[in-house]
């Protein structure tokens, strides 16, 4: 379950960055998006 939540959150945050930021900013924003998705899925105890 946590892995599915991680990939869904990472995909959603990545798409949000892709559509709202210029290309290079979106590319750099994938690192914080991955960290946020990891925190949501594994550390937040929501799932």
N, C-alpha and C. Protein backbone atom coordinates (compact mmCIF):
# COMPACT_ATOMS: atom_id res chain seq x y z
N UNK A 1 0.83 -1.20 0.00
CA UNK A 1 0.00 0.00 0.00
C UNK A 1 0.87 1.26 0.00
N UNK A 2 1.92 1.24 0.83
CA UNK A 2 2.77 2.43 0.91
C UNK A 2 3.49 2.71 -0.40
N UNK A 3 3.89 1.65 -1.09
CA UNK A 3 4.58 1.84 -2.37
C UNK A 3 3.63 2.47 -3.38
N UNK A 4 2.37 2.05 -3.38
CA UNK A 4 1.39 2.62 -4.30
C UNK A 4 1.14 4.09 -3.97
N UNK A 5 1.03 4.41 -2.71
CA UNK A 5 0.84 5.81 -2.30
C UNK A 5 2.05 6.64 -2.69
N UNK A 6 3.25 6.08 -2.52
CA UNK A 6 4.47 6.81 -2.90
C UNK A 6 4.45 7.15 -4.38
N UNK A 7 4.17 6.17 -5.24
CA UNK A 7 4.20 6.43 -6.68
C UNK A 7 3.08 7.34 -7.12
N UNK A 8 1.92 7.24 -6.51
CA UNK A 8 0.83 8.15 -6.84
C UNK A 8 1.17 9.58 -6.44
N UNK A 9 1.71 9.75 -5.23
CA UNK A 9 2.09 11.09 -4.78
C UNK A 9 3.23 11.65 -5.62
N UNK A 10 4.21 10.82 -5.94
CA UNK A 10 5.34 11.27 -6.75
C UNK A 10 4.87 11.66 -8.15
N UNK A 11 4.00 10.88 -8.72
CA UNK A 11 3.46 11.20 -10.04
C UNK A 11 2.66 12.49 -10.03
N UNK A 12 1.81 12.65 -9.03
CA UNK A 12 0.99 13.86 -8.95
C UNK A 12 1.86 15.10 -8.74
N UNK A 13 2.82 15.01 -7.84
CA UNK A 13 3.70 16.16 -7.60
C UNK A 13 4.59 16.44 -8.81
N UNK A 14 5.04 15.40 -9.49
CA UNK A 14 5.85 15.57 -10.69
C UNK A 14 5.07 16.23 -11.81
N UNK A 15 3.84 15.79 -12.02
CA UNK A 15 3.00 16.40 -13.05
C UNK A 15 2.67 17.85 -12.71
N UNK A 16 2.42 18.12 -11.45
CA UNK A 16 2.17 19.49 -11.02
C UNK A 16 3.37 20.38 -11.32
N UNK A 17 4.56 19.89 -11.01
CA UNK A 17 5.78 20.65 -11.30
C UNK A 17 5.98 20.80 -12.80
N UNK A 18 5.70 19.77 -13.57
CA UNK A 18 5.90 19.83 -15.02
C UNK A 18 5.00 20.86 -15.69
N UNK A 19 3.78 20.97 -15.21
CA UNK A 19 2.84 21.88 -15.86
C UNK A 19 2.91 23.30 -15.33
N UNK A 20 3.48 23.51 -14.15
CA UNK A 20 3.49 24.86 -13.58
C UNK A 20 4.85 25.54 -13.65
N UNK A 21 5.92 24.78 -13.81
CA UNK A 21 7.26 25.35 -13.80
C UNK A 21 7.92 25.22 -15.17
N UNK A 22 8.89 26.09 -15.45
CA UNK A 22 9.68 25.89 -16.67
C UNK A 22 10.46 24.58 -16.59
N UNK A 23 10.98 24.13 -17.75
CA UNK A 23 11.57 22.79 -17.85
C UNK A 23 12.66 22.54 -16.82
N UNK A 24 13.65 23.41 -16.72
CA UNK A 24 14.79 23.16 -15.82
C UNK A 24 14.37 23.21 -14.36
N UNK A 25 13.44 24.10 -14.03
CA UNK A 25 12.94 24.15 -12.65
C UNK A 25 12.16 22.88 -12.31
N UNK A 26 11.38 22.40 -13.26
CA UNK A 26 10.62 21.17 -13.04
C UNK A 26 11.55 19.99 -12.87
N UNK A 27 12.64 19.97 -13.63
CA UNK A 27 13.62 18.90 -13.50
C UNK A 27 14.26 18.90 -12.12
N UNK A 28 14.60 20.07 -11.63
CA UNK A 28 15.20 20.20 -10.29
C UNK A 28 14.15 19.91 -9.21
N UNK A 29 12.90 20.25 -9.47
CA UNK A 29 11.84 20.07 -8.48
C UNK A 29 11.48 18.60 -8.26
N UNK A 30 11.97 17.68 -9.07
CA UNK A 30 11.64 16.27 -8.85
C UNK A 30 12.30 15.72 -7.59
N UNK A 31 13.43 16.28 -7.19
CA UNK A 31 14.09 15.80 -5.96
C UNK A 31 13.25 16.13 -4.73
N UNK A 32 12.82 17.39 -4.51
CA UNK A 32 11.93 17.65 -3.38
C UNK A 32 10.58 16.94 -3.50
N UNK A 33 10.10 16.75 -4.73
CA UNK A 33 8.85 16.02 -4.92
C UNK A 33 9.00 14.58 -4.47
N UNK A 34 10.14 13.97 -4.78
CA UNK A 34 10.40 12.61 -4.32
C UNK A 34 10.51 12.52 -2.82
N UNK A 35 11.15 13.51 -2.21
CA UNK A 35 11.27 13.52 -0.75
C UNK A 35 9.91 13.72 -0.09
N UNK A 36 9.08 14.60 -0.67
CA UNK A 36 7.75 14.82 -0.12
C UNK A 36 6.88 13.58 -0.28
N UNK A 37 6.97 12.92 -1.43
CA UNK A 37 6.19 11.70 -1.65
C UNK A 37 6.64 10.60 -0.69
N UNK A 38 7.95 10.49 -0.46
CA UNK A 38 8.45 9.50 0.49
C UNK A 38 7.92 9.79 1.90
N UNK A 39 7.91 11.06 2.29
CA UNK A 39 7.42 11.41 3.62
C UNK A 39 5.93 11.10 3.74
N UNK A 40 5.16 11.44 2.70
CA UNK A 40 3.72 11.17 2.73
C UNK A 40 3.45 9.68 2.86
N UNK A 41 4.19 8.87 2.10
CA UNK A 41 3.89 7.44 2.06
C UNK A 41 4.43 6.69 3.28
N UNK A 42 5.62 7.02 3.73
CA UNK A 42 6.27 6.18 4.73
C UNK A 42 6.37 6.79 6.13
N UNK A 43 6.47 8.09 6.24
CA UNK A 43 6.73 8.70 7.55
C UNK A 43 5.54 9.38 8.18
N UNK A 44 4.51 9.71 7.40
CA UNK A 44 3.42 10.52 7.94
C UNK A 44 2.44 9.71 8.77
N UNK A 45 2.46 8.38 8.68
CA UNK A 45 1.52 7.50 9.36
C UNK A 45 0.06 7.76 8.97
N UNK A 46 -0.12 8.28 7.77
CA UNK A 46 -1.48 8.46 7.27
C UNK A 46 -1.98 7.17 6.63
N UNK A 47 -1.06 6.28 6.19
CA UNK A 47 -1.45 5.07 5.47
C UNK A 47 -0.88 3.85 6.13
